[in-house]
N, C-alpha and C. Protein backbone atom coordinates (compact mmCIF):
# COMPACT_ATOMS: atom_id res chain seq x y z
N UNK A 1 141.04 93.20 85.48
CA UNK A 1 141.17 94.59 85.31
C UNK A 1 142.18 94.96 84.21
N UNK A 2 142.40 96.02 83.72
CA UNK A 2 143.31 96.32 82.33
C UNK A 2 144.96 96.15 83.19
N UNK A 3 145.61 95.49 82.11
CA UNK A 3 147.11 95.32 82.66
C UNK A 3 148.06 96.22 82.20
N UNK A 4 147.45 96.99 81.28
CA UNK A 4 148.27 98.39 80.95
C UNK A 4 147.90 99.34 82.20
N UNK A 5 146.48 99.78 82.28
CA UNK A 5 146.11 101.22 83.06
C UNK A 5 145.75 100.85 84.42
N UNK A 6 145.43 99.51 84.42
CA UNK A 6 145.36 99.10 86.26
C UNK A 6 144.16 99.28 86.54
N UNK A 7 143.13 99.79 85.47
CA UNK A 7 141.75 99.91 86.15
C UNK A 7 140.83 98.96 85.75
N UNK A 8 139.93 98.67 86.59
CA UNK A 8 139.00 97.78 86.76
C UNK A 8 137.82 98.17 85.94
N UNK A 9 137.10 97.15 85.29
CA UNK A 9 135.77 97.43 84.70
C UNK A 9 134.87 96.46 85.33
N UNK A 10 133.96 97.00 86.31
CA UNK A 10 133.37 96.06 87.20
C UNK A 10 132.10 95.55 86.66
N UNK A 11 131.59 94.39 87.51
CA UNK A 11 130.12 93.81 86.66
C UNK A 11 129.71 94.79 87.61
N UNK A 12 128.44 94.57 87.11
CA UNK A 12 127.11 95.40 87.74
C UNK A 12 126.80 95.16 89.29
N UNK A 13 126.59 95.87 90.11
CA UNK A 13 126.58 95.74 91.36
C UNK A 13 127.85 95.76 92.22
N UNK A 14 128.91 96.18 91.28
CA UNK A 14 129.99 96.71 92.15
C UNK A 14 130.93 97.84 91.74
N UNK A 15 131.32 98.24 92.31
CA UNK A 15 132.35 99.76 92.13
C UNK A 15 133.43 99.48 93.10
N UNK A 16 134.15 100.48 92.96
CA UNK A 16 135.66 100.68 93.41
C UNK A 16 137.10 100.22 92.64
N UNK A 17 138.09 100.83 93.20
CA UNK A 17 139.33 100.29 92.20
C UNK A 17 139.23 98.93 92.14
N UNK A 18 139.25 98.40 92.74
CA UNK A 18 139.16 96.68 92.26
C UNK A 18 137.83 96.13 92.56
N UNK A 19 137.00 96.69 92.23
CA UNK A 19 135.45 96.26 92.13
C UNK A 19 135.19 95.15 93.43
N UNK A 20 135.49 95.74 94.63
CA UNK A 20 135.05 94.91 95.85
C UNK A 20 134.25 95.47 96.99
N UNK A 21 133.59 96.67 96.47
CA UNK A 21 132.43 97.46 96.99
C UNK A 21 131.33 96.68 96.42
N UNK A 22 130.33 96.48 97.02
CA UNK A 22 129.00 96.54 96.73
C UNK A 22 128.05 97.89 96.22
N UNK A 23 127.06 98.12 95.50
CA UNK A 23 126.59 99.45 95.23
C UNK A 23 126.00 99.81 96.62
N UNK A 24 125.82 101.06 96.81
CA UNK A 24 124.96 101.65 98.13
C UNK A 24 123.87 101.43 98.22
N UNK A 25 123.26 101.29 99.53
CA UNK A 25 121.58 101.39 99.32
C UNK A 25 120.94 101.97 98.37
N UNK A 26 120.00 101.52 97.80
CA UNK A 26 119.12 102.09 96.68
C UNK A 26 119.74 102.27 95.52
N UNK A 27 120.59 101.62 95.18
CA UNK A 27 121.54 101.77 93.87
C UNK A 27 121.72 100.58 93.26
N UNK A 28 121.68 100.20 91.86
CA UNK A 28 122.11 98.94 91.28
C UNK A 28 122.68 99.17 90.07
N UNK A 29 123.08 98.02 89.44
CA UNK A 29 123.41 98.10 88.33
C UNK A 29 125.01 98.38 87.77
N UNK A 30 125.43 98.69 86.60
CA UNK A 30 126.87 98.78 86.17
C UNK A 30 127.14 100.33 86.98
N UNK A 31 128.33 100.59 87.37
CA UNK A 31 128.65 101.87 88.22
C UNK A 31 127.65 102.40 89.07
N UNK A 32 126.71 101.26 89.33
CA UNK A 32 125.92 101.49 90.69
C UNK A 32 125.07 102.73 89.95
N UNK A 33 124.72 103.40 88.64
CA UNK A 33 124.15 104.03 88.24
C UNK A 33 122.48 104.51 88.19
N UNK A 34 122.10 103.09 88.64
CA UNK A 34 120.36 103.17 88.37
C UNK A 34 120.27 103.17 89.86
N UNK A 35 118.82 103.84 90.13
CA UNK A 35 118.01 103.60 91.46
C UNK A 35 116.87 102.59 91.84
N UNK A 36 116.99 102.18 92.68
CA UNK A 36 116.00 101.31 93.14
C UNK A 36 114.94 101.93 93.93
N UNK A 37 113.69 101.09 93.91
CA UNK A 37 112.34 101.69 94.55
C UNK A 37 111.82 100.91 95.34
N UNK A 38 112.64 100.41 96.39
CA UNK A 38 111.97 99.08 97.03
C UNK A 38 111.35 99.61 98.11
N UNK A 39 111.22 100.72 98.51
CA UNK A 39 110.52 101.06 99.42
C UNK A 39 111.06 100.51 101.03
N UNK A 40 110.35 99.82 101.94
CA UNK A 40 111.19 99.14 102.82
C UNK A 40 111.99 98.16 102.75
N UNK A 41 111.96 97.36 101.11
CA UNK A 41 112.47 96.08 100.81
C UNK A 41 113.90 96.49 100.77
N UNK A 42 114.60 95.39 100.32
CA UNK A 42 116.05 95.11 99.87
C UNK A 42 116.17 95.44 98.35
N UNK A 43 117.08 95.83 98.10
CA UNK A 43 117.15 96.12 96.77
C UNK A 43 118.76 95.25 96.21
N UNK A 44 118.78 94.34 95.00
CA UNK A 44 119.50 93.21 94.65
C UNK A 44 120.60 94.50 93.99
N UNK A 45 121.86 94.66 94.41
CA UNK A 45 122.77 95.57 93.65
C UNK A 45 122.89 95.36 92.11
N UNK A 46 122.66 93.98 91.72
CA UNK A 46 123.30 93.60 90.81
C UNK A 46 122.11 93.97 89.77
N UNK A 47 120.77 93.48 90.24
CA UNK A 47 119.41 93.45 89.24
C UNK A 47 118.71 94.29 89.53
N UNK A 48 118.54 94.95 90.82
CA UNK A 48 117.28 96.16 91.05
C UNK A 48 116.46 95.45 91.55
N UNK A 49 116.12 94.07 91.67
CA UNK A 49 115.01 93.49 91.84
C UNK A 49 114.78 93.53 93.59
N UNK A 50 113.37 93.90 93.89
CA UNK A 50 113.17 93.98 95.36
C UNK A 50 113.02 92.77 96.20
N UNK A 51 113.59 92.65 97.26
CA UNK A 51 113.24 91.52 98.22
C UNK A 51 112.37 92.22 99.00
N UNK A 52 110.96 91.87 99.38
CA UNK A 52 110.02 92.64 99.83
C UNK A 52 110.13 91.71 101.57
N UNK A 53 109.68 92.69 102.56
CA UNK A 53 109.63 92.01 103.80
C UNK A 53 108.19 91.45 104.10
N UNK A 54 107.83 91.13 104.93
CA UNK A 54 106.50 89.95 105.16
C UNK A 54 105.38 90.73 105.08
N UNK A 55 104.73 90.70 104.19
CA UNK A 55 102.99 91.29 104.23
C UNK A 55 103.18 92.42 103.10
N UNK A 56 104.28 92.83 102.35
CA UNK A 56 104.43 93.30 101.55
C UNK A 56 104.73 93.03 100.08
N UNK A 57 104.32 93.38 98.93
CA UNK A 57 104.65 93.15 97.69
C UNK A 57 104.33 93.77 96.46
N UNK A 58 104.86 93.52 95.30
CA UNK A 58 105.37 93.92 94.31
C UNK A 58 106.26 94.91 93.96
N UNK A 59 106.54 95.52 92.84
CA UNK A 59 107.95 96.04 92.40
C UNK A 59 108.48 96.91 93.48
N UNK A 60 107.69 97.67 94.21
CA UNK A 60 108.05 98.95 95.00
C UNK A 60 107.76 98.16 96.74
N UNK A 61 107.56 96.93 96.57
CA UNK A 61 107.28 96.37 98.04
C UNK A 61 106.11 97.33 98.98
N UNK A 62 104.91 97.37 98.31
CA UNK A 62 103.82 98.19 98.69
C UNK A 62 103.08 97.01 99.51
């Protein structure tokens, strides 16, 4: 956090005044500004990579 302004510059995947909140579901990256397209899979809040459920594969878990 900036010692003068007190604002924090969060790493990708995190938001909030103290960077303690992870991105909401289906969002990722710096300031959670990017959208995931994982279908029924889980989106990594930092990278946007999809973790697919069994039986599904590919970038969108199809």
